Each structure stands twice: as C-alpha cells, then as structure tokens.
Amino acid sequence: MEESNPAFEAVMSCVFGIEDHETRTYLVLCDRPGSTIAELATALERDRSTVNRSLSTLRDRGLVYRDRRLLDGGGDVYQYTATSLPEAKAMLHEALDAWTATVHDVIDEFDDGAD
C-alpha cells in the first residue's frame, strides 16, 4: 500500500488479506450472481480447483455466500453470490478503522526508553 492512489482491487486484497486472483473472483461474481464453480472457471479462465479455493477464502472473509440448488435430474450444485459491493465497502471501512485504532494504541504505548 505504498502507492499514493492504490486501485480498489489492491485495497481489497490488502485489507482482507486475499490474493489478487481472489479479488478478481469476487468482482467477476458481483456481475454474475448465482454462478457455479464451472461457470466462474470459464469466466475467469482458471481451473475449477483454483476457483473453488478462491471461493472458500472469500466465504471465510464474508465476501461470498453459497446456496445449494437441487438439480431436476437428481443431485445438487452450489451457486455462489458475492456480498454486495456497498456491504463489502462497509466491511473495508470497519476493518481499516479497527486497524487504525490498534496502530494508534501501539504508537501511544511505545516506550522509546528515553527518560
């Protein structure tokens, strides 16, 4: 985050501790709610296992949720939807506010040994 004007994607990756490809997965999913892993893999031009790991990380961070859909011929499939962009932005603000408060406490409690 050394850039004076970082891209939104870079901020998301930094604050949520996710990889750039996971941020890209989130943003693609914003435009394709209800997508399956196979659909996302095609859209992202990534293999299904990579997309599955990305979705798992994004779910852990609260940025994606999934619903199970029963198929007509039997079986089921998971469909994924991104947390809304306004909600993700609110989460970013909350995380940054908490981090800033922690850093201020560290600064205030620092004892440089000078008397």
C-alpha atoms as a PDB file:
ATOM      1  CA  MET A   1       0.000   0.000   0.000  1.00  0.00           C
ATOM      2  CA  GLU A   2       2.898   2.306  -0.677  1.00  0.00           C
ATOM      3  CA  GLU A   3       1.111   3.847  -3.648  1.00  0.00           C
ATOM      4  CA  SER A   4      -0.472   7.225  -3.011  1.00  0.00           C
ATOM      5  CA  ASN A   5      -3.522   6.284  -5.070  1.00  0.00           C
ATOM      6  CA  PRO A   6      -3.974   2.485  -4.982  1.00  0.00           C
ATOM      7  CA  ALA A   7      -6.612   0.744  -7.074  1.00  0.00           C
ATOM      8  CA  PHE A   8      -9.723  -0.527  -5.320  1.00  0.00           C
ATOM      9  CA  GLU A   9      -8.654  -4.096  -6.084  1.00  0.00           C
ATOM     10  CA  ALA A  10      -5.312  -3.523  -4.343  1.00  0.00           C
ATOM     11  CA  VAL A  11      -7.066  -2.106  -1.284  1.00  0.00           C
ATOM     12  CA  MET A  12      -9.404  -5.116  -1.112  1.00  0.00           C
ATOM     13  CA  SER A  13      -6.502  -7.545  -1.382  1.00  0.00           C
ATOM     14  CA  CYS A  14      -4.511  -5.752   1.305  1.00  0.00           C
ATOM     15  CA  VAL A  15      -7.297  -5.164   3.822  1.00  0.00           C
ATOM     16  CA  PHE A  16      -8.938  -8.587   3.527  1.00  0.00           C
ATOM     17  CA  GLY A  17      -5.626 -10.424   3.199  1.00  0.00           C
ATOM     18  CA  ILE A  18      -6.602 -12.076  -0.055  1.00  0.00           C
ATOM     19  CA  GLU A  19      -4.725 -12.704  -3.283  1.00  0.00           C
ATOM     20  CA  ASP A  20      -5.301 -10.615  -6.403  1.00  0.00           C
ATOM     21  CA  HIS A  21      -6.960 -13.565  -8.168  1.00  0.00           C
ATOM     22  CA  GLU A  22      -9.390 -13.898  -5.245  1.00  0.00           C
ATOM     23  CA  THR A  23     -10.283 -10.231  -5.541  1.00  0.00           C
ATOM     24  CA  ARG A  24     -10.829 -10.748  -9.259  1.00  0.00           C
ATOM     25  CA  THR A  25     -13.083 -13.728  -8.492  1.00  0.00           C
ATOM     26  CA  TYR A  26     -15.148 -11.540  -6.139  1.00  0.00           C
ATOM     27  CA  LEU A  27     -15.501  -8.785  -8.743  1.00  0.00           C
ATOM     28  CA  VAL A  28     -16.497 -11.209 -11.512  1.00  0.00           C
ATOM     29  CA  LEU A  29     -19.034 -12.782  -9.169  1.00  0.00           C
ATOM     30  CA  CYS A  30     -20.525  -9.331  -8.493  1.00  0.00           C
ATOM     31  CA  ASP A  31     -21.556  -9.300 -12.161  1.00  0.00           C
ATOM     32  CA  ARG A  32     -22.645 -12.963 -12.187  1.00  0.00           C
ATOM     33  CA  PRO A  33     -24.662 -13.736  -9.051  1.00  0.00           C
ATOM     34  CA  GLY A  34     -25.734 -17.331  -8.664  1.00  0.00           C
ATOM     35  CA  SER A  35     -22.775 -18.716 -10.612  1.00  0.00           C
ATOM     36  CA  THR A  36     -21.456 -22.230 -10.200  1.00  0.00           C
ATOM     37  CA  ILE A  37     -17.777 -23.091  -9.910  1.00  0.00           C
ATOM     38  CA  ALA A  38     -17.788 -24.320 -13.507  1.00  0.00           C
ATOM     39  CA  GLU A  39     -19.336 -21.066 -14.766  1.00  0.00           C
ATOM     40  CA  LEU A  40     -16.824 -18.975 -12.830  1.00  0.00           C
ATOM     41  CA  ALA A  41     -13.919 -21.119 -14.016  1.00  0.00           C
ATOM     42  CA  THR A  42     -14.948 -20.405 -17.608  1.00  0.00           C
ATOM     43  CA  ALA A  43     -15.440 -16.676 -16.994  1.00  0.00           C
ATOM     44  CA  LEU A  44     -12.113 -16.353 -15.159  1.00  0.00           C
ATOM     45  CA  GLU A  45     -10.226 -18.723 -17.454  1.00  0.00           C
ATOM     46  CA  ARG A  46      -8.973 -20.629 -14.399  1.00  0.00           C
ATOM     47  CA  ASP A  47      -9.244 -24.260 -13.425  1.00  0.00           C
ATOM     48  CA  ARG A  48     -12.112 -25.318 -11.188  1.00  0.00           C
ATOM     49  CA  SER A  49      -9.889 -26.250  -8.236  1.00  0.00           C
ATOM     50  CA  THR A  50      -8.342 -22.754  -8.186  1.00  0.00           C
ATOM     51  CA  VAL A  51     -11.779 -21.143  -8.343  1.00  0.00           C
ATOM     52  CA  ASN A  52     -13.012 -23.442  -5.573  1.00  0.00           C
ATOM     53  CA  ARG A  53     -10.104 -22.412  -3.303  1.00  0.00           C
ATOM     54  CA  SER A  54     -10.734 -18.734  -4.097  1.00  0.00           C
ATOM     55  CA  LEU A  55     -14.414 -19.091  -3.224  1.00  0.00           C
ATOM     56  CA  SER A  56     -13.541 -20.844   0.026  1.00  0.00           C
ATOM     57  CA  THR A  57     -11.266 -17.958   1.039  1.00  0.00           C
ATOM     58  CA  LEU A  58     -13.868 -15.383   0.029  1.00  0.00           C
ATOM     59  CA  ARG A  59     -16.531 -17.217   2.054  1.00  0.00           C
ATOM     60  CA  ASP A  60     -14.204 -17.218   5.077  1.00  0.00           C
ATOM     61  CA  ARG A  61     -13.882 -13.433   4.732  1.00  0.00           C
ATOM     62  CA  GLY A  62     -17.649 -12.935   4.422  1.00  0.00           C
ATOM     63  CA  LEU A  63     -17.399 -11.709   0.842  1.00  0.00           C
ATOM     64  CA  VAL A  64     -19.257 -14.603  -0.816  1.00  0.00           C
ATOM     65  CA  TYR A  65     -22.089 -16.893   0.177  1.00  0.00           C
ATOM     66  CA  ARG A  66     -23.408 -20.015  -1.449  1.00  0.00           C
ATOM     67  CA  ASP A  67     -26.758 -21.684  -1.878  1.00  0.00           C
ATOM     68  CA  ARG A  68     -27.396 -25.301  -2.733  1.00  0.00           C
ATOM     69  CA  ARG A  69     -29.692 -25.900  -5.691  1.00  0.00           C
ATOM     70  CA  LEU A  70     -31.256 -29.285  -6.361  1.00  0.00           C
ATOM     71  CA  LEU A  71     -30.998 -30.382  -9.976  1.00  0.00           C
ATOM     72  CA  ASP A  72     -34.027 -31.704 -11.865  1.00  0.00           C
ATOM     73  CA  GLY A  73     -32.261 -34.944 -12.811  1.00  0.00           C
ATOM     74  CA  GLY A  74     -31.065 -35.523  -9.264  1.00  0.00           C
ATOM     75  CA  GLY A  75     -28.046 -34.282  -7.405  1.00  0.00           C
ATOM     76  CA  ASP A  76     -27.247 -30.736  -6.481  1.00  0.00           C
ATOM     77  CA  VAL A  77     -24.925 -27.856  -7.258  1.00  0.00           C
ATOM     78  CA  TYR A  78     -23.705 -24.882  -5.279  1.00  0.00           C
ATOM     79  CA  GLN A  79     -24.384 -21.407  -6.607  1.00  0.00           C
ATOM     80  CA  TYR A  80     -22.259 -18.522  -5.360  1.00  0.00           C
ATOM     81  CA  THR A  81     -23.170 -14.871  -4.918  1.00  0.00           C
ATOM     82  CA  ALA A  82     -20.915 -12.014  -3.886  1.00  0.00           C
ATOM     83  CA  THR A  83     -21.714  -9.876  -0.887  1.00  0.00           C
ATOM     84  CA  SER A  84     -22.998  -6.596  -2.296  1.00  0.00           C
ATOM     85  CA  LEU A  85     -20.363  -4.024  -3.135  1.00  0.00           C
ATOM     86  CA  PRO A  86     -21.799  -1.480  -0.652  1.00  0.00           C
ATOM     87  CA  GLU A  87     -21.605  -4.119   2.097  1.00  0.00           C
ATOM     88  CA  ALA A  88     -18.035  -5.027   1.103  1.00  0.00           C
ATOM     89  CA  LYS A  89     -17.105  -1.341   1.227  1.00  0.00           C
ATOM     90  CA  ALA A  90     -18.608  -1.066   4.709  1.00  0.00           C
ATOM     91  CA  MET A  91     -16.570  -4.117   5.759  1.00  0.00           C
ATOM     92  CA  LEU A  92     -13.437  -2.447   4.363  1.00  0.00           C
ATOM     93  CA  HIS A  93     -14.132   0.713   6.356  1.00  0.00           C
ATOM     94  CA  GLU A  94     -14.733  -1.278   9.558  1.00  0.00           C
ATOM     95  CA  ALA A  95     -11.532  -3.282   9.111  1.00  0.00           C
ATOM     96  CA  LEU A  96      -9.474  -0.158   8.435  1.00  0.00           C
ATOM     97  CA  ASP A  97     -10.989   1.680  11.406  1.00  0.00           C
ATOM     98  CA  ALA A  98     -10.157  -1.252  13.700  1.00  0.00           C
ATOM     99  CA  TRP A  99      -6.609  -1.469  12.321  1.00  0.00           C
ATOM    100  CA  THR A 100      -6.096   2.297  12.695  1.00  0.00           C
ATOM    101  CA  ALA A 101      -7.245   2.185  16.324  1.00  0.00           C
ATOM    102  CA  THR A 102      -4.830  -0.669  17.019  1.00  0.00           C
ATOM    103  CA  VAL A 103      -1.924   1.192  15.420  1.00  0.00           C
ATOM    104  CA  HIS A 104      -2.715   4.329  17.418  1.00  0.00           C
ATOM    105  CA  ASP A 105      -2.670   2.246  20.621  1.00  0.00           C
ATOM    106  CA  VAL A 106       0.692   0.729  19.670  1.00  0.00           C
ATOM    107  CA  ILE A 107       2.119   4.191  18.996  1.00  0.00           C
ATOM    108  CA  ASP A 108       0.762   5.590  22.250  1.00  0.00           C
ATOM    109  CA  GLU A 109       2.081   2.670  24.296  1.00  0.00           C
ATOM    110  CA  PHE A 110       5.525   2.653  22.706  1.00  0.00           C
ATOM    111  CA  ASP A 111       8.275   3.382  25.186  1.00  0.00           C
ATOM    112  CA  ASP A 112      11.400   4.532  23.426  1.00  0.00           C
ATOM    113  CA  GLY A 113      13.450   4.214  26.611  1.00  0.00           C
ATOM    114  CA  ALA A 114      14.106   7.960  26.870  1.00  0.00           C
ATOM    115  CA  ASP A 115      13.566   9.492  30.286  1.00  0.00           C
END
